[in-house]
Amino acid sequence: MKTTAELIEYVLETYGVQPEYLWSDAPQTFIFRHAGNRKWFGVVMDVERAKLGLPGEGKVFLLDVKTGPILGGSYLGQPGIVKAWHMNKQHWLGVLLDGSASDQSLKELLDVSYSLTE
């Protein structure tokens, strides 16, 4: 998925969840959370590439998902998968929403995150 719009559509179709925009000072940042327990299973934000250790200038959209340390380690280093930003880096991973991560990896990680936060 290369855009936040594609991600939003996928999450709505798969989990029945709409994005929630919680911060007026960060209008492009949003979360996905369970309707019942209100736990977050995804956070989307635009982050400076340099803060993620990525080459180039400007920002990139990042989806943080919960994985746990063992599973997270197996994905870290794959194209488009980085350490989480803002969340606990032992239990969360970041997925770049620029097309560099495979759709399969993104969907797998969303499923894991959704399950771990139920």
Protein backbone atom coordinates (compact mmCIF):
# COMPACT_ATOMS: atom_id res chain seq x y z
CA MET A 1 0.00 0.00 0.00
CA LYS A 2 1.41 3.29 -1.07
CA THR A 3 -1.10 5.69 0.45
CA THR A 4 -2.93 6.24 3.69
CA ALA A 5 -6.19 6.15 1.70
CA GLU A 6 -5.44 2.58 0.57
CA LEU A 7 -4.62 1.61 4.15
CA ILE A 8 -7.82 3.17 5.51
CA GLU A 9 -9.89 1.33 2.89
CA TYR A 10 -8.20 -1.99 3.70
CA VAL A 11 -8.66 -1.60 7.49
CA LEU A 12 -12.31 -0.64 7.06
CA GLU A 13 -13.01 -3.64 4.80
CA THR A 14 -11.02 -6.11 6.92
CA TYR A 15 -11.69 -5.01 10.51
CA GLY A 16 -14.66 -2.65 10.18
CA VAL A 17 -12.68 0.17 11.78
CA GLN A 18 -12.54 3.82 10.77
CA PRO A 19 -9.49 5.98 11.54
CA GLU A 20 -9.70 8.28 14.55
CA TYR A 21 -8.03 11.68 14.36
CA LEU A 22 -7.15 12.58 17.95
CA TRP A 23 -4.77 15.52 17.61
CA SER A 24 -5.86 18.83 16.10
CA ASP A 25 -2.23 19.95 15.88
CA ALA A 26 -1.37 16.81 13.84
CA PRO A 27 -4.26 16.46 11.37
CA GLN A 28 -2.52 13.74 9.31
CA THR A 29 -1.95 11.53 12.35
CA PHE A 30 -4.59 8.95 13.18
CA ILE A 31 -5.13 5.69 15.01
CA PHE A 32 -7.01 2.46 14.47
CA ARG A 33 -8.54 0.90 17.57
CA HIS A 34 -10.91 -1.84 18.60
CA ALA A 35 -14.49 -0.73 19.14
CA GLY A 36 -14.92 -2.83 22.29
CA ASN A 37 -11.79 -2.47 24.39
CA ARG A 38 -10.59 0.76 22.71
CA LYS A 39 -7.01 -0.54 22.41
CA TRP A 40 -4.95 0.80 19.54
CA PHE A 41 -3.72 -1.65 16.91
CA GLY A 42 -2.30 0.93 14.54
CA VAL A 43 -0.99 4.48 14.54
CA VAL A 44 -0.30 6.40 11.33
CA MET A 45 1.88 9.50 11.39
CA ASP A 46 4.16 11.42 9.13
CA VAL A 47 7.72 11.30 10.46
CA GLU A 48 10.91 12.96 9.32
CA ARG A 49 12.97 10.43 7.38
CA ALA A 50 16.08 11.35 9.39
CA LYS A 51 14.33 10.44 12.67
CA LEU A 52 13.85 6.91 11.31
CA GLY A 53 17.43 6.67 10.10
CA LEU A 54 16.30 6.80 6.47
CA PRO A 55 18.18 8.56 3.69
CA GLY A 56 16.75 11.61 2.02
CA GLU A 57 14.87 14.62 3.23
CA GLY A 58 11.27 15.24 4.12
CA LYS A 59 8.67 13.10 5.80
CA VAL A 60 7.28 9.65 5.19
CA PHE A 61 4.01 8.15 6.39
CA LEU A 62 4.56 5.38 8.91
CA LEU A 63 2.17 2.82 10.37
CA ASP A 64 3.15 1.55 13.82
CA VAL A 65 1.78 -1.91 14.65
CA LYS A 66 2.11 -4.08 17.75
CA THR A 67 4.16 -7.26 17.24
CA GLY A 68 6.09 -8.30 20.32
CA PRO A 69 9.88 -8.64 20.46
CA ILE A 70 10.35 -12.04 18.83
CA LEU A 71 8.05 -11.59 15.84
CA GLY A 72 9.13 -7.99 15.43
CA GLY A 73 12.74 -9.06 15.13
CA SER A 74 11.90 -11.44 12.29
CA TYR A 75 10.38 -8.60 10.22
CA LEU A 76 12.88 -5.88 11.10
CA GLY A 77 15.27 -5.35 8.22
CA GLN A 78 12.79 -6.37 5.52
CA PRO A 79 12.13 -3.64 2.95
CA GLY A 80 9.91 -0.92 4.38
CA ILE A 81 9.99 -2.27 7.95
CA VAL A 82 11.68 -0.11 10.59
CA LYS A 83 11.67 0.39 14.34
CA ALA A 84 8.49 2.01 15.58
CA TRP A 85 8.33 5.72 16.11
CA HIS A 86 6.76 7.06 19.30
CA MET A 87 5.64 3.59 20.52
CA ASN A 88 7.60 1.01 22.55
CA LYS A 89 10.27 -0.24 20.17
CA GLN A 90 10.36 -3.72 21.75
CA HIS A 91 6.69 -4.37 21.10
CA TRP A 92 5.89 -2.24 18.05
CA LEU A 93 7.27 -2.01 14.49
CA GLY A 94 6.95 0.67 11.86
CA VAL A 95 5.79 -0.01 8.30
CA LEU A 96 6.56 2.65 5.72
CA LEU A 97 3.54 3.60 3.64
CA ASP A 98 5.56 4.46 0.55
CA GLY A 99 5.28 1.14 -1.28
CA SER A 100 8.62 -0.20 -0.04
CA ALA A 101 7.02 -2.76 2.31
CA SER A 102 5.17 -5.61 0.64
CA ASP A 103 1.39 -5.61 0.94
CA GLN A 104 1.65 -9.15 2.30
CA SER A 105 3.94 -8.06 5.16
CA LEU A 106 1.76 -5.07 5.92
CA LYS A 107 -1.40 -7.20 6.07
CA GLU A 108 0.30 -9.88 8.19
CA LEU A 109 1.54 -7.28 10.65
CA LEU A 110 -1.88 -5.63 10.86
CA ASP A 111 -3.45 -9.03 11.61
CA VAL A 112 -0.89 -9.69 14.35
CA SER A 113 -1.39 -6.26 15.85
CA TYR A 114 -5.17 -6.60 15.75
CA SER A 115 -4.98 -10.02 17.46
CA LEU A 116 -2.49 -8.93 20.12
CA THR A 117 -4.68 -6.00 21.15
CA GLU A 118 -8.04 -7.82 21.29
